Amino acid sequence: MSLEDDPFDYQVTKSGVLLIRRGGRTVMELGGKKAAALIPKLGRDDDTDQQLLARATGNYRHGNERQFRRR
């Protein structure tokens, strides 16, 4: 499943916590210095936002995954 099919969504709370959601579920709550560094980078471009959120959650391709092949 790709980011286009199931994109991340986010919400910044009043207390500065970043809630990252995917598929209608909260997958991560990010606070403190990490959230403070990520929040200003969000909201500029949707593709960039998706990549930043994927990296923050650790849910992104590293480029070394094997491709499934049907024979």
C-alpha atoms as a PDB file:
ATOM      1  CA  MET A   1       0.000   0.000   0.000  1.00  0.00           C
ATOM      2  CA  SER A   2       1.436   3.331  -1.028  1.00  0.00           C
ATOM      3  CA  LEU A   3       1.208   6.808   0.399  1.00  0.00           C
ATOM      4  CA  GLU A   4      -1.081   7.761  -2.485  1.00  0.00           C
ATOM      5  CA  ASP A   5      -3.561   5.011  -1.624  1.00  0.00           C
ATOM      6  CA  ASP A   6      -3.447   5.517   2.150  1.00  0.00           C
ATOM      7  CA  PRO A   7      -1.967   8.935   3.002  1.00  0.00           C
ATOM      8  CA  PHE A   8      -0.941  10.173   6.411  1.00  0.00           C
ATOM      9  CA  ASP A   9      -2.948  12.869   8.167  1.00  0.00           C
ATOM     10  CA  TYR A  10      -1.804  15.034  11.061  1.00  0.00           C
ATOM     11  CA  GLN A  11      -3.082  17.382  13.715  1.00  0.00           C
ATOM     12  CA  VAL A  12      -1.186  19.750  15.984  1.00  0.00           C
ATOM     13  CA  THR A  13      -2.712  20.097  19.450  1.00  0.00           C
ATOM     14  CA  LYS A  14      -2.687  23.240  21.574  1.00  0.00           C
ATOM     15  CA  SER A  15       0.001  21.701  23.769  1.00  0.00           C
ATOM     16  CA  GLY A  16       2.294  21.238  20.748  1.00  0.00           C
ATOM     17  CA  VAL A  17       1.866  17.487  20.337  1.00  0.00           C
ATOM     18  CA  LEU A  18       1.789  16.254  16.750  1.00  0.00           C
ATOM     19  CA  LEU A  19      -0.768  13.479  16.182  1.00  0.00           C
ATOM     20  CA  ILE A  20       0.027  11.435  13.081  1.00  0.00           C
ATOM     21  CA  ARG A  21      -2.811   9.340  11.654  1.00  0.00           C
ATOM     22  CA  ARG A  22      -3.112   6.843   8.850  1.00  0.00           C
ATOM     23  CA  GLY A  23      -6.230   4.973   7.853  1.00  0.00           C
ATOM     24  CA  GLY A  24      -8.290   6.780  10.473  1.00  0.00           C
ATOM     25  CA  ARG A  25      -6.106   5.592  13.357  1.00  0.00           C
ATOM     26  CA  THR A  26      -3.492   7.443  15.331  1.00  0.00           C
ATOM     27  CA  VAL A  27      -0.199   5.735  14.556  1.00  0.00           C
ATOM     28  CA  MET A  28       2.074   8.063  16.535  1.00  0.00           C
ATOM     29  CA  GLU A  29       2.049  10.965  18.944  1.00  0.00           C
ATOM     30  CA  LEU A  30       5.146  13.086  18.618  1.00  0.00           C
ATOM     31  CA  GLY A  31       6.066  15.710  21.172  1.00  0.00           C
ATOM     32  CA  GLY A  32       9.001  17.692  22.471  1.00  0.00           C
ATOM     33  CA  LYS A  33      11.974  18.660  20.343  1.00  0.00           C
ATOM     34  CA  LYS A  34      11.117  16.267  17.513  1.00  0.00           C
ATOM     35  CA  ALA A  35       7.634  17.717  17.108  1.00  0.00           C
ATOM     36  CA  ALA A  36       8.949  21.271  17.403  1.00  0.00           C
ATOM     37  CA  ALA A  37      11.394  20.581  14.569  1.00  0.00           C
ATOM     38  CA  LEU A  38       8.852  18.829  12.323  1.00  0.00           C
ATOM     39  CA  ILE A  39       5.807  21.112  12.693  1.00  0.00           C
ATOM     40  CA  PRO A  40       7.305  24.149  10.872  1.00  0.00           C
ATOM     41  CA  LYS A  41       8.207  21.925   7.893  1.00  0.00           C
ATOM     42  CA  LEU A  42       4.626  20.706   7.417  1.00  0.00           C
ATOM     43  CA  GLY A  43       1.907  22.383   5.376  1.00  0.00           C
ATOM     44  CA  ARG A  44       3.939  23.549   2.408  1.00  0.00           C
ATOM     45  CA  ASP A  45       3.521  20.680  -0.062  1.00  0.00           C
ATOM     46  CA  ASP A  46       1.409  17.543   0.316  1.00  0.00           C
ATOM     47  CA  ASP A  47       4.015  15.205  -1.210  1.00  0.00           C
ATOM     48  CA  THR A  48       6.707  16.581   1.063  1.00  0.00           C
ATOM     49  CA  ASP A  49       4.382  16.329   4.063  1.00  0.00           C
ATOM     50  CA  GLN A  50       3.729  12.667   3.298  1.00  0.00           C
ATOM     51  CA  GLN A  51       7.436  11.900   3.111  1.00  0.00           C
ATOM     52  CA  LEU A  52       8.193  13.764   6.340  1.00  0.00           C
ATOM     53  CA  LEU A  53       5.370  12.001   8.201  1.00  0.00           C
ATOM     54  CA  ALA A  54       6.431   8.615   6.845  1.00  0.00           C
ATOM     55  CA  ARG A  55       9.989   9.194   8.002  1.00  0.00           C
ATOM     56  CA  ALA A  56       8.831  10.375  11.420  1.00  0.00           C
ATOM     57  CA  THR A  57       6.855   7.166  11.916  1.00  0.00           C
ATOM     58  CA  GLY A  58       9.559   4.946  10.453  1.00  0.00           C
ATOM     59  CA  ASN A  59       7.106   3.719   7.825  1.00  0.00           C
ATOM     60  CA  TYR A  60       8.905   4.360   4.573  1.00  0.00           C
ATOM     61  CA  ARG A  61      10.828   2.391   2.004  1.00  0.00           C
ATOM     62  CA  HIS A  62      14.549   2.193   2.434  1.00  0.00           C
ATOM     63  CA  GLY A  63      15.160   1.123  -1.164  1.00  0.00           C
ATOM     64  CA  ASN A  64      16.487  -2.279  -0.238  1.00  0.00           C
ATOM     65  CA  GLU A  65      13.214  -4.211  -0.036  1.00  0.00           C
ATOM     66  CA  ARG A  66      12.849  -7.179  -2.310  1.00  0.00           C
ATOM     67  CA  GLN A  67      10.204  -6.968  -4.973  1.00  0.00           C
ATOM     68  CA  PHE A  68       7.618  -9.738  -5.104  1.00  0.00           C
ATOM     69  CA  ARG A  69       7.595 -11.476  -8.462  1.00  0.00           C
ATOM     70  CA  ARG A  70       4.983 -13.850  -9.759  1.00  0.00           C
ATOM     71  CA  ARG A  71       6.277 -16.577 -12.002  1.00  0.00           C
END
